[in-house]
Structure formats: C-alpha cells, structure tokens
Amino acid sequence: HSERPKPQLPLHPIVTAPFSLIRFISHPTLDLNLPFLREWVLRADDWLQQGTQLYFFVHCPQEERSPANARRFYHLLSEHGTPIPPLPWDELHAPSQLKLF
C-alpha cells in the first residue's frame, strides 16, 4: 500500500545473491535524479564487474517519465565506461511510410 511508512534513508545496499534488483523511485523532474543516479552508476559498475546480474527498475510517480529516467541511467552507466549491451530500441530502424496505392 502506498500509504505505509517508508524505510529510513539512506539505505546501505549489499548483494547477497548472484543477482540484484534495484527499484529506483525517481523524481518527475529529470535533473533532480542526477546525483542519485550517479551514485547508483558507481555501485552498479562495481557489482557488474564482480559478475552480479543486475536488474535496474525505474519507477516514477508520473509513470510517463520512467523511460527517460531509465535511459538517463543507462547512458550515465555507458559514459562511465561500464561495458553494457546496447538498448534494444536504439538499434531499431525507423519505420517507413506505407503507401496506399
């Protein structure tokens, strides 16, 4: 339930399995997330280099902002030098206009 008490922050995340799921609750204003995303880039890079399978889920109270926040994290991680595969939608070809006749 969204009204239940939230955990005390900051959290001290640790990995206890060969994978980690991060649920990043972002702010609707993209730039306000930047300092927090940069912190996660450092942690994610470290975990990925240790062989941890990483799942990074981005949520936002204004859900239409989540894809932009997820892309921002991906690009920050890539700019950091972390070897990550390309995003699937970045490799799609633009559709061509269909003809009626």
PDB file of N, CA and C in Angstrom:
ATOM      1  N   HIS A   1       0.850  -1.180   0.000  1.00  0.00           N
ATOM      2  CA  HIS A   1       0.000   0.000   0.000  1.00  0.00           C
ATOM      3  C   HIS A   1       0.887   1.232   0.000  1.00  0.00           C
ATOM      4  N   SER A   2       0.544   2.226  -0.808  1.00  0.00           N
ATOM      5  CA  SER A   2       1.407   3.398  -0.965  1.00  0.00           C
ATOM      6  C   SER A   2       1.435   4.294   0.265  1.00  0.00           C
ATOM      7  N   GLU A   3       0.522   4.102   1.195  1.00  0.00           N
ATOM      8  CA  GLU A   3       0.467   4.946   2.386  1.00  0.00           C
ATOM      9  C   GLU A   3       1.272   4.391   3.559  1.00  0.00           C
ATOM     10  N   ARG A   4       1.832   3.214   3.414  1.00  0.00           N
ATOM     11  CA  ARG A   4       2.571   2.628   4.538  1.00  0.00           C
ATOM     12  C   ARG A   4       3.871   3.404   4.773  1.00  0.00           C
ATOM     13  N   PRO A   5       4.423   3.339   5.981  1.00  0.00           N
ATOM     14  CA  PRO A   5       5.666   4.057   6.279  1.00  0.00           C
ATOM     15  C   PRO A   5       6.805   3.585   5.381  1.00  0.00           C
ATOM     16  N   LYS A   6       7.621   4.512   4.968  1.00  0.00           N
ATOM     17  CA  LYS A   6       8.763   4.211   4.103  1.00  0.00           C
ATOM     18  C   LYS A   6       9.995   3.934   4.963  1.00  0.00           C
ATOM     19  N   PRO A   7      10.992   3.226   4.415  1.00  0.00           N
ATOM     20  CA  PRO A   7      12.197   2.931   5.202  1.00  0.00           C
ATOM     21  C   PRO A   7      13.017   4.188   5.462  1.00  0.00           C
ATOM     22  N   GLN A   8      13.788   4.132   6.530  1.00  0.00           N
ATOM     23  CA  GLN A   8      14.704   5.224   6.827  1.00  0.00           C
ATOM     24  C   GLN A   8      15.773   5.267   5.746  1.00  0.00           C
ATOM     25  N   LEU A   9      16.170   6.443   5.351  1.00  0.00           N
ATOM     26  CA  LEU A   9      17.190   6.612   4.324  1.00  0.00           C
ATOM     27  C   LEU A   9      18.404   7.292   4.925  1.00  0.00           C
ATOM     28  N   PRO A  10      19.586   7.117   4.451  1.00  0.00           N
ATOM     29  CA  PRO A  10      19.930   6.312   3.285  1.00  0.00           C
ATOM     30  C   PRO A  10      19.997   4.828   3.626  1.00  0.00           C
ATOM     31  N   LEU A  11      19.759   4.028   2.622  1.00  0.00           N
ATOM     32  CA  LEU A  11      19.895   2.584   2.752  1.00  0.00           C
ATOM     33  C   LEU A  11      21.339   2.199   2.475  1.00  0.00           C
ATOM     34  N   HIS A  12      21.738   1.049   2.942  1.00  0.00           N
ATOM     35  CA  HIS A  12      23.088   0.546   2.702  1.00  0.00           C
ATOM     36  C   HIS A  12      22.965  -0.767   1.936  1.00  0.00           C
ATOM     37  N   PRO A  13      22.809  -0.673   0.612  1.00  0.00           N
ATOM     38  CA  PRO A  13      22.578  -1.885  -0.174  1.00  0.00           C
ATOM     39  C   PRO A  13      23.799  -2.789  -0.252  1.00  0.00           C
ATOM     40  N   ILE A  14      23.537  -4.072  -0.131  1.00  0.00           N
ATOM     41  CA  ILE A  14      24.581  -5.083  -0.304  1.00  0.00           C
ATOM     42  C   ILE A  14      24.010  -6.185  -1.192  1.00  0.00           C
ATOM     43  N   VAL A  15      24.883  -6.926  -1.825  1.00  0.00           N
ATOM     44  CA  VAL A  15      24.467  -8.034  -2.677  1.00  0.00           C
ATOM     45  C   VAL A  15      24.658  -9.328  -1.906  1.00  0.00           C
ATOM     46  N   THR A  16      23.604 -10.141  -1.830  1.00  0.00           N
ATOM     47  CA  THR A  16      23.682 -11.415  -1.113  1.00  0.00           C
ATOM     48  C   THR A  16      23.362 -12.598  -2.021  1.00  0.00           C
ATOM     49  N   ALA A  17      23.279 -12.338  -3.321  1.00  0.00           N
ATOM     50  CA  ALA A  17      22.950 -13.381  -4.299  1.00  0.00           C
ATOM     51  C   ALA A  17      23.714 -13.067  -5.584  1.00  0.00           C
ATOM     52  N   PRO A  18      23.672 -13.948  -6.571  1.00  0.00           N
ATOM     53  CA  PRO A  18      24.374 -13.672  -7.828  1.00  0.00           C
ATOM     54  C   PRO A  18      23.650 -12.635  -8.695  1.00  0.00           C
ATOM     55  N   PHE A  19      22.563 -12.072  -8.177  1.00  0.00           N
ATOM     56  CA  PHE A  19      21.823 -11.046  -8.909  1.00  0.00           C
ATOM     57  C   PHE A  19      21.363  -9.979  -7.927  1.00  0.00           C
ATOM     58  N   SER A  20      20.995  -8.838  -8.456  1.00  0.00           N
ATOM     59  CA  SER A  20      20.456  -7.773  -7.628  1.00  0.00           C
ATOM     60  C   SER A  20      19.368  -7.047  -8.406  1.00  0.00           C
ATOM     61  N   LEU A  21      18.271  -6.737  -7.736  1.00  0.00           N
ATOM     62  CA  LEU A  21      17.173  -5.976  -8.317  1.00  0.00           C
ATOM     63  C   LEU A  21      17.108  -4.636  -7.598  1.00  0.00           C
ATOM     64  N   ILE A  22      17.296  -3.574  -8.343  1.00  0.00           N
ATOM     65  CA  ILE A  22      17.223  -2.229  -7.778  1.00  0.00           C
ATOM     66  C   ILE A  22      15.950  -1.586  -8.288  1.00  0.00           C
ATOM     67  N   ARG A  23      15.132  -1.110  -7.378  1.00  0.00           N
ATOM     68  CA  ARG A  23      13.939  -0.342  -7.749  1.00  0.00           C
ATOM     69  C   ARG A  23      14.239   1.104  -7.408  1.00  0.00           C
ATOM     70  N   PHE A  24      14.513   1.877  -8.434  1.00  0.00           N
ATOM     71  CA  PHE A  24      14.849   3.288  -8.269  1.00  0.00           C
ATOM     72  C   PHE A  24      13.575   4.107  -8.440  1.00  0.00           C
ATOM     73  N   ILE A  25      13.162   4.778  -7.386  1.00  0.00           N
ATOM     74  CA  ILE A  25      11.976   5.626  -7.444  1.00  0.00           C
ATOM     75  C   ILE A  25      12.456   7.034  -7.754  1.00  0.00           C
ATOM     76  N   SER A  26      12.172   7.460  -8.962  1.00  0.00           N
ATOM     77  CA  SER A  26      12.714   8.722  -9.449  1.00  0.00           C
ATOM     78  C   SER A  26      11.763   9.886  -9.210  1.00  0.00           C
ATOM     79  N   HIS A  27      12.328  11.072  -9.326  1.00  0.00           N
ATOM     80  CA  HIS A  27      11.567  12.312  -9.246  1.00  0.00           C
ATOM     81  C   HIS A  27      11.071  12.645 -10.651  1.00  0.00           C
ATOM     82  N   PRO A  28       9.895  13.243 -10.793  1.00  0.00           N
ATOM     83  CA  PRO A  28       9.405  13.596 -12.122  1.00  0.00           C
ATOM     84  C   PRO A  28      10.310  14.576 -12.883  1.00  0.00           C
ATOM     85  N   THR A  29      11.045  15.421 -12.160  1.00  0.00           N
ATOM     86  CA  THR A  29      11.974  16.347 -12.805  1.00  0.00           C
ATOM     87  C   THR A  29      13.285  15.618 -13.042  1.00  0.00           C
ATOM     88  N   LEU A  30      13.594  15.365 -14.303  1.00  0.00           N
ATOM     89  CA  LEU A  30      14.726  14.520 -14.689  1.00  0.00           C
ATOM     90  C   LEU A  30      16.035  14.923 -14.013  1.00  0.00           C
ATOM     91  N   ASP A  31      16.361  16.194 -14.011  1.00  0.00           N
ATOM     92  CA  ASP A  31      17.656  16.637 -13.486  1.00  0.00           C
ATOM     93  C   ASP A  31      17.802  16.446 -11.977  1.00  0.00           C
ATOM     94  N   LEU A  32      16.709  16.388 -11.244  1.00  0.00           N
ATOM     95  CA  LEU A  32      16.802  16.180  -9.799  1.00  0.00           C
ATOM     96  C   LEU A  32      17.255  14.766  -9.454  1.00  0.00           C
ATOM     97  N   ASN A  33      17.166  13.855 -10.402  1.00  0.00           N
ATOM     98  CA  ASN A  33      17.599  12.476 -10.186  1.00  0.00           C
ATOM     99  C   ASN A  33      19.097  12.288 -10.390  1.00  0.00           C
ATOM    100  N   LEU A  34      19.732  13.228 -11.056  1.00  0.00           N
ATOM    101  CA  LEU A  34      21.114  13.060 -11.484  1.00  0.00           C
ATOM    102  C   LEU A  34      22.084  12.690 -10.364  1.00  0.00           C
ATOM    103  N   PRO A  35      22.092  13.388  -9.220  1.00  0.00           N
ATOM    104  CA  PRO A  35      23.053  12.994  -8.173  1.00  0.00           C
ATOM    105  C   PRO A  35      22.832  11.567  -7.674  1.00  0.00           C
ATOM    106  N   PHE A  36      21.582  11.144  -7.590  1.00  0.00           N
ATOM    107  CA  PHE A  36      21.274   9.800  -7.104  1.00  0.00           C
ATOM    108  C   PHE A  36      21.618   8.747  -8.152  1.00  0.00           C
ATOM    109  N   LEU A  37      21.347   9.055  -9.421  1.00  0.00           N
ATOM    110  CA  LEU A  37      21.709   8.128 -10.492  1.00  0.00           C
ATOM    111  C   LEU A  37      23.220   7.963 -10.580  1.00  0.00           C
ATOM    112  N   ARG A  38      23.958   9.041 -10.382  1.00  0.00           N
ATOM    113  CA  ARG A  38      25.427   8.949 -10.420  1.00  0.00           C
ATOM    114  C   ARG A  38      25.949   8.038  -9.310  1.00  0.00           C
ATOM    115  N   GLU A  39      25.327   8.108  -8.138  1.00  0.00           N
ATOM    116  CA  GLU A  39      25.716   7.192  -7.052  1.00  0.00           C
ATOM    117  C   GLU A  39      25.453   5.748  -7.459  1.00  0.00           C
ATOM    118  N   TRP A  40      24.295   5.496  -8.070  1.00  0.00           N
ATOM    119  CA  TRP A  40      23.959   4.140  -8.490  1.00  0.00           C
ATOM    120  C   TRP A  40      24.853   3.651  -9.613  1.00  0.00           C
ATOM    121  N   VAL A  41      25.324   4.552 -10.467  1.00  0.00           N
ATOM    122  CA  VAL A  41      26.256   4.159 -11.534  1.00  0.00           C
ATOM    123  C   VAL A  41      27.511   3.552 -10.924  1.00  0.00           C
ATOM    124  N   LEU A  42      28.058   4.180  -9.898  1.00  0.00           N
ATOM    125  CA  LEU A  42      29.276   3.667  -9.258  1.00  0.00           C
ATOM    126  C   LEU A  42      29.030   2.295  -8.645  1.00  0.00           C
ATOM    127  N   ARG A  43      27.914   2.157  -7.944  1.00  0.00           N
ATOM    128  CA  ARG A  43      27.596   0.881  -7.291  1.00  0.00           C
ATOM    129  C   ARG A  43      27.309  -0.192  -8.344  1.00  0.00           C
ATOM    130  N   ALA A  44      26.525   0.157  -9.368  1.00  0.00           N
ATOM    131  CA  ALA A  44      26.184  -0.811 -10.415  1.00  0.00           C
ATOM    132  C   ALA A  44      27.430  -1.262 -11.167  1.00  0.00           C
ATOM    133  N   ASP A  45      28.320  -0.334 -11.479  1.00  0.00           N
ATOM    134  CA  ASP A  45      29.560  -0.693 -12.166  1.00  0.00           C
ATOM    135  C   ASP A  45      30.365  -1.682 -11.324  1.00  0.00           C
ATOM    136  N   ASP A  46      30.469  -1.417 -10.043  1.00  0.00           N
ATOM    137  CA  ASP A  46      31.209  -2.310  -9.144  1.00  0.00           C
ATOM    138  C   ASP A  46      30.573  -3.697  -9.118  1.00  0.00           C
ATOM    139  N   TRP A  47      29.265  -3.761  -8.967  1.00  0.00           N
ATOM    140  CA  TRP A  47      28.581  -5.047  -8.912  1.00  0.00           C
ATOM    141  C   TRP A  47      28.693  -5.799 -10.233  1.00  0.00           C
ATOM    142  N   LEU A  48      28.540  -5.094 -11.351  1.00  0.00           N
ATOM    143  CA  LEU A  48      28.656  -5.747 -12.660  1.00  0.00           C
ATOM    144  C   LEU A  48      30.061  -6.298 -12.875  1.00  0.00           C
ATOM    145  N   GLN A  49      31.068  -5.556 -12.437  1.00  0.00           N
ATOM    146  CA  GLN A  49      32.452  -6.029 -12.582  1.00  0.00           C
ATOM    147  C   GLN A  49      32.720  -7.251 -11.713  1.00  0.00           C
ATOM    148  N   GLN A  50      31.939  -7.417 -10.648  1.00  0.00           N
ATOM    149  CA  GLN A  50      32.070  -8.600  -9.794  1.00  0.00           C
ATOM    150  C   GLN A  50      31.266  -9.782 -10.344  1.00  0.00           C
ATOM    151  N   GLY A  51      30.571  -9.573 -11.465  1.00  0.00           N
ATOM    152  CA  GLY A  51      29.802 -10.650 -12.078  1.00  0.00           C
ATOM    153  C   GLY A  51      28.355 -10.737 -11.632  1.00  0.00           C
ATOM    154  N   THR A  52      27.871  -9.745 -10.920  1.00  0.00           N
ATOM    155  CA  THR A  52      26.483  -9.741 -10.466  1.00  0.00           C
ATOM    156  C   THR A  52      25.552  -9.441 -11.636  1.00  0.00           C
ATOM    157  N   GLN A  53      24.494 -10.224 -11.763  1.00  0.00           N
ATOM    158  CA  GLN A  53      23.444  -9.943 -12.753  1.00  0.00           C
ATOM    159  C   GLN A  53      22.596  -8.817 -12.177  1.00  0.00           C
ATOM    160  N   LEU A  54      22.475  -7.724 -12.900  1.00  0.00           N
ATOM    161  CA  LEU A  54      21.822  -6.535 -12.358  1.00  0.00           C
ATOM    162  C   LEU A  54      20.532  -6.226 -13.109  1.00  0.00           C
ATOM    163  N   TYR A  55      19.466  -6.014 -12.344  1.00  0.00           N
ATOM    164  CA  TYR A  55      18.179  -5.578 -12.884  1.00  0.00           C
ATOM    165  C   TYR A  55      17.884  -4.225 -12.256  1.00  0.00           C
ATOM    166  N   PHE A  56      17.776  -3.198 -13.067  1.00  0.00           N
ATOM    167  CA  PHE A  56      17.555  -1.833 -12.578  1.00  0.00           C
ATOM    168  C   PHE A  56      16.192  -1.373 -13.066  1.00  0.00           C
ATOM    169  N   PHE A  57      15.260  -1.305 -12.142  1.00  0.00           N
ATOM    170  CA  PHE A  57      13.876  -0.949 -12.446  1.00  0.00           C
ATOM    171  C   PHE A  57      13.657   0.498 -12.037  1.00  0.00           C
ATOM    172  N   VAL A  58      13.164   1.318 -12.952  1.00  0.00           N
ATOM    173  CA  VAL A  58      12.925   2.735 -12.664  1.00  0.00           C
ATOM    174  C   VAL A  58      11.425   2.979 -12.570  1.00  0.00           C
ATOM    175  N   HIS A  59      11.037   3.580 -11.479  1.00  0.00           N
ATOM    176  CA  HIS A  59       9.640   3.937 -11.248  1.00  0.00           C
ATOM    177  C   HIS A  59       9.587   5.437 -11.015  1.00  0.00           C
ATOM    178  N   CYS A  60       8.458   6.045 -11.323  1.00  0.00           N
ATOM    179  CA  CYS A  60       8.256   7.469 -11.085  1.00  0.00           C
ATOM    180  C   CYS A  60       6.783   7.684 -10.755  1.00  0.00           C
ATOM    181  N   PRO A  61       6.471   8.588  -9.825  1.00  0.00           N
ATOM    182  CA  PRO A  61       5.062   8.872  -9.557  1.00  0.00           C
ATOM    183  C   PRO A  61       4.303   9.310 -10.814  1.00  0.00           C
ATOM    184  N   GLN A  62       5.002   9.965 -11.730  1.00  0.00           N
ATOM    185  CA  GLN A  62       4.431  10.276 -13.044  1.00  0.00           C
ATOM    186  C   GLN A  62       5.056   9.273 -14.013  1.00  0.00           C
ATOM    187  N   GLU A  63       4.385   8.150 -14.181  1.00  0.00           N
ATOM    188  CA  GLU A  63       4.981   6.991 -14.846  1.00  0.00           C
ATOM    189  C   GLU A  63       5.479   7.267 -16.264  1.00  0.00           C
ATOM    190  N   GLU A  64       4.911   8.252 -16.937  1.00  0.00           N
ATOM    191  CA  GLU A  64       5.379   8.564 -18.291  1.00  0.00           C
ATOM    192  C   GLU A  64       6.815   9.090 -18.295  1.00  0.00           C
ATOM    193  N   ARG A  65       7.336   9.452 -17.117  1.00  0.00           N
ATOM    194  CA  ARG A  65       8.722   9.933 -17.012  1.00  0.00           C
ATOM    195  C   ARG A  65       9.722   8.795 -16.807  1.00  0.00           C
ATOM    196  N   SER A  66       9.245   7.619 -16.465  1.00  0.00           N
ATOM    197  CA  SER A  66      10.143   6.494 -16.163  1.00  0.00           C
ATOM    198  C   SER A  66      11.064   6.115 -17.315  1.00  0.00           C
ATOM    199  N   PRO A  67      10.586   6.031 -18.564  1.00  0.00           N
ATOM    200  CA  PRO A  67      11.518   5.669 -19.642  1.00  0.00           C
ATOM    201  C   PRO A  67      12.685   6.647 -19.792  1.00  0.00           C
ATOM    202  N   ALA A  68      12.422   7.938 -19.663  1.00  0.00           N
ATOM    203  CA  ALA A  68      13.508   8.926 -19.772  1.00  0.00           C
ATOM    204  C   ALA A  68      14.503   8.761 -18.629  1.00  0.00           C
ATOM    205  N   ASN A  69      14.007   8.480 -17.428  1.00  0.00           N
ATOM    206  CA  ASN A  69      14.904   8.275 -16.293  1.00  0.00           C
ATOM    207  C   ASN A  69      15.719   6.999 -16.461  1.00  0.00           C
ATOM    208  N   ALA A  70      15.107   5.957 -17.013  1.00  0.00           N
ATOM    209  CA  ALA A  70      15.839   4.708 -17.267  1.00  0.00           C
ATOM    210  C   ALA A  70      16.921   4.927 -18.317  1.00  0.00           C
ATOM    211  N   ARG A  71      16.582   5.667 -19.383  1.00  0.00           N
ATOM    212  CA  ARG A  71      17.587   5.969 -20.416  1.00  0.00           C
ATOM    213  C   ARG A  71      18.733   6.787 -19.844  1.00  0.00           C
ATOM    214  N   ARG A  72      18.413   7.723 -18.978  1.00  0.00           N
ATOM    215  CA  ARG A  72      19.458   8.559 -18.367  1.00  0.00           C
ATOM    216  C   ARG A  72      20.427   7.676 -17.590  1.00  0.00           C
ATOM    217  N   PHE A  73      19.901   6.731 -16.791  1.00  0.00           N
ATOM    218  CA  PHE A  73      20.766   5.832 -16.037  1.00  0.00           C
ATOM    219  C   PHE A  73      21.625   5.005 -16.984  1.00  0.00           C
ATOM    220  N   TYR A  74      21.024   4.459 -18.031  1.00  0.00           N
ATOM    221  CA  TYR A  74      21.762   3.652 -18.998  1.00  0.00           C
ATOM    222  C   TYR A  74      22.909   4.459 -19.613  1.00  0.00           C
ATOM    223  N   HIS A  75      22.616   5.674 -20.046  1.00  0.00           N
ATOM    224  CA  HIS A  75      23.649   6.488 -20.696  1.00  0.00           C
ATOM    225  C   HIS A  75      24.740   6.911 -19.711  1.00  0.00           C
ATOM    226  N   LEU A  76      24.375   7.194 -18.472  1.00  0.00           N
ATOM    227  CA  LEU A  76      25.392   7.508 -17.459  1.00  0.00           C
ATOM    228  C   LEU A  76      26.299   6.305 -17.218  1.00  0.00           C
ATOM    229  N   LEU A  77      25.712   5.128 -17.148  1.00  0.00           N
ATOM    230  CA  LEU A  77      26.487   3.908 -16.938  1.00  0.00           C
ATOM    231  C   LEU A  77      27.417   3.662 -18.125  1.00  0.00           C
ATOM    232  N   SER A  78      26.916   3.881 -19.317  1.00  0.00           N
ATOM    233  CA  SER A  78      27.719   3.714 -20.522  1.00  0.00           C
ATOM    234  C   SER A  78      28.857   4.739 -20.578  1.00  0.00           C
ATOM    235  N   GLU A  79      28.561   5.999 -20.261  1.00  0.00           N
ATOM    236  CA  GLU A  79      29.580   7.053 -20.248  1.00  0.00           C
ATOM    237  C   GLU A  79      30.649   6.782 -19.196  1.00  0.00           C
ATOM    238  N   HIS A  80      30.272   6.100 -18.139  1.00  0.00           N
ATOM    239  CA  HIS A  80      31.219   5.750 -17.076  1.00  0.00           C
ATOM    240  C   HIS A  80      32.242   4.722 -17.565  1.00  0.00           C
ATOM    241  N   GLY A  81      31.911   4.050 -18.666  1.00  0.00           N
ATOM    242  CA  GLY A  81      32.816   3.047 -19.215  1.00  0.00           C
ATOM    243  C   GLY A  81      32.428   1.626 -18.883  1.00  0.00           C
ATOM    244  N   THR A  82      31.275   1.455 -18.284  1.00  0.00           N
ATOM    245  CA  THR A  82      30.794   0.120 -17.957  1.00  0.00           C
ATOM    246  C   THR A  82      30.380  -0.588 -19.245  1.00  0.00           C
ATOM    247  N   PRO A  83      30.934  -1.777 -19.508  1.00  0.00           N
ATOM    248  CA  PRO A  83      30.546  -2.494 -20.729  1.00  0.00           C
ATOM    249  C   PRO A  83      29.131  -3.067 -20.600  1.00  0.00           C
ATOM    250  N   ILE A  84      28.194  -2.458 -21.293  1.00  0.00           N
ATOM    251  CA  ILE A  84      26.803  -2.909 -21.272  1.00  0.00           C
ATOM    252  C   ILE A  84      26.301  -2.998 -22.714  1.00  0.00           C
ATOM    253  N   PRO A  85      25.383  -3.928 -22.975  1.00  0.00           N
ATOM    254  CA  PRO A  85      24.873  -4.068 -24.346  1.00  0.00           C
ATOM    255  C   PRO A  85      24.010  -2.867 -24.728  1.00  0.00           C
ATOM    256  N   PRO A  86      23.850  -2.634 -26.020  1.00  0.00           N
ATOM    257  CA  PRO A  86      23.000  -1.513 -26.452  1.00  0.00           C
ATOM    258  C   PRO A  86      21.542  -1.761 -26.084  1.00  0.00           C
ATOM    259  N   LEU A  87      20.821  -0.683 -25.907  1.00  0.00           N
ATOM    260  CA  LEU A  87      19.389  -0.804 -25.658  1.00  0.00           C
ATOM    261  C   LEU A  87      18.710  -1.328 -26.916  1.00  0.00           C
ATOM    262  N   PRO A  88      17.768  -2.246 -26.781  1.00  0.00           N
ATOM    263  CA  PRO A  88      17.146  -2.843 -27.968  1.00  0.00           C
ATOM    264  C   PRO A  88      16.512  -1.804 -28.889  1.00  0.00           C
ATOM    265  N   TRP A  89      15.860  -0.798 -28.320  1.00  0.00           N
ATOM    266  CA  TRP A  89      15.168   0.176 -29.163  1.00  0.00           C
ATOM    267  C   TRP A  89      16.130   1.146 -29.841  1.00  0.00           C
ATOM    268  N   ASP A  90      17.378   1.234 -29.390  1.00  0.00           N
ATOM    269  CA  ASP A  90      18.350   2.092 -30.063  1.00  0.00           C
ATOM    270  C   ASP A  90      18.803   1.494 -31.390  1.00  0.00           C
ATOM    271  N   GLU A  91      18.623   0.195 -31.570  1.00  0.00           N
ATOM    272  CA  GLU A  91      19.066  -0.468 -32.792  1.00  0.00           C
ATOM    273  C   GLU A  91      17.929  -0.705 -33.791  1.00  0.00           C
ATOM    274  N   LEU A  92      16.726  -0.286 -33.458  1.00  0.00           N
ATOM    275  CA  LEU A  92      15.601  -0.470 -34.375  1.00  0.00           C
ATOM    276  C   LEU A  92      15.677   0.544 -35.507  1.00  0.00           C
ATOM    277  N   HIS A  93      15.313   0.109 -36.684  1.00  0.00           N
ATOM    278  CA  HIS A  93      15.259   1.014 -37.830  1.00  0.00           C
ATOM    279  C   HIS A  93      13.952   1.795 -37.780  1.00  0.00           C
ATOM    280  N   ALA A  94      14.020   3.044 -38.178  1.00  0.00           N
ATOM    281  CA  ALA A  94      12.807   3.858 -38.221  1.00  0.00           C
ATOM    282  C   ALA A  94      11.852   3.276 -39.259  1.00  0.00           C
ATOM    283  N   PRO A  95      10.569   3.202 -38.923  1.00  0.00           N
ATOM    284  CA  PRO A  95       9.620   2.642 -39.890  1.00  0.00           C
ATOM    285  C   PRO A  95       9.469   3.567 -41.091  1.00  0.00           C
ATOM    286  N   SER A  96       9.226   2.977 -42.233  1.00  0.00           N
ATOM    287  CA  SER A  96       8.989   3.785 -43.428  1.00  0.00           C
ATOM    288  C   SER A  96       7.488   3.965 -43.619  1.00  0.00           C
ATOM    289  N   GLN A  97       7.140   5.035 -44.271  1.00  0.00           N
ATOM    290  CA  GLN A  97       5.731   5.326 -44.530  1.00  0.00           C
ATOM    291  C   GLN A  97       5.165   4.295 -45.508  1.00  0.00           C
ATOM    292  N   LEU A  98       4.050   3.707 -45.158  1.00  0.00           N
ATOM    293  CA  LEU A  98       3.386   2.766 -46.053  1.00  0.00           C
ATOM    294  C   LEU A  98       2.630   3.530 -47.135  1.00  0.00           C
ATOM    295  N   LYS A  99       2.425   2.884 -48.266  1.00  0.00           N
ATOM    296  CA  LYS A  99       1.711   3.522 -49.375  1.00  0.00           C
ATOM    297  C   LYS A  99       0.336   2.887 -49.522  1.00  0.00           C
ATOM    298  N   LEU A 100      -0.627   3.706 -49.843  1.00  0.00           N
ATOM    299  CA  LEU A 100      -1.980   3.201 -50.061  1.00  0.00           C
ATOM    300  C   LEU A 100      -2.163   2.681 -51.478  1.00  0.00           C
ATOM    301  N   PHE A 101      -1.445   3.239 -52.436  1.00  0.00           N
ATOM    302  CA  PHE A 101      -1.621   2.851 -53.846  1.00  0.00           C
ATOM    303  C   PHE A 101      -0.291   2.586 -54.490  1.00  0.00           C
TER     304      PHE A 101
END
